[in-house]
Amino acid sequence: MAARTQSSGKDRHVQLTLGVLKQFRLIFGSVRQHFRQVEETCGVSGSQLWVLREVGAAPGIGVSVLAGKLSIHQSTCSQLVESLVTRGLVNKARLGDDQRRVGLTLTKAGTKILASAPGPAEGLLPTALAELSNQSLVTLSAHLDELIAELRPKDQLHAGRPLADL
């Protein structure tokens, strides 16, 4: 009987593991589909759209503050901004007396893309996470830390990249 209970417990663990794997697939698939829709509709990537949203919400924002809002590395943010500047969607301008500080603003074309974009501009996952309670986020964070501890090898560089670019 003990062997059957052990086998039954192992079977439940396997089924639970597969169920959680399906949940991750649903999350990743939904996120990917949203990013595809953004690109098809707007012609910009999901991460570029999020940049446009943040710049539109805070005209004059600097790259370092913007990187913090996106939770990405500053160099990654700079590359995103440069691609948007090159495409004529964002302007960079020196602000005030401090000529070292560069502020970002949307161009008319950037504003038009932002207005036509399917929401949410920051992506499905950040929006869904923001809707969770603090208690749920703390619990989720702790459990994800446990999961990450089991990953081998880990690619820490991806933690500082936008989901749309993974």
Foldseek 3Di string as FASTA:
>chain_A
DVVVVVVVVVVVVVVVVVVVVVVVVVVLVQQQVLQVQQCVFQVDGLVLLLLLVVCAVPWFDFLVVSLVVLQADSVQSVVSVVVCVVVQQKDWDQDDPPSVTITIHGDPSNVVSNVRGDDDSSTDVVVVLVPDDPVVVVVVVVVVVVVQVPDPPDDVNCSRHRPRVD
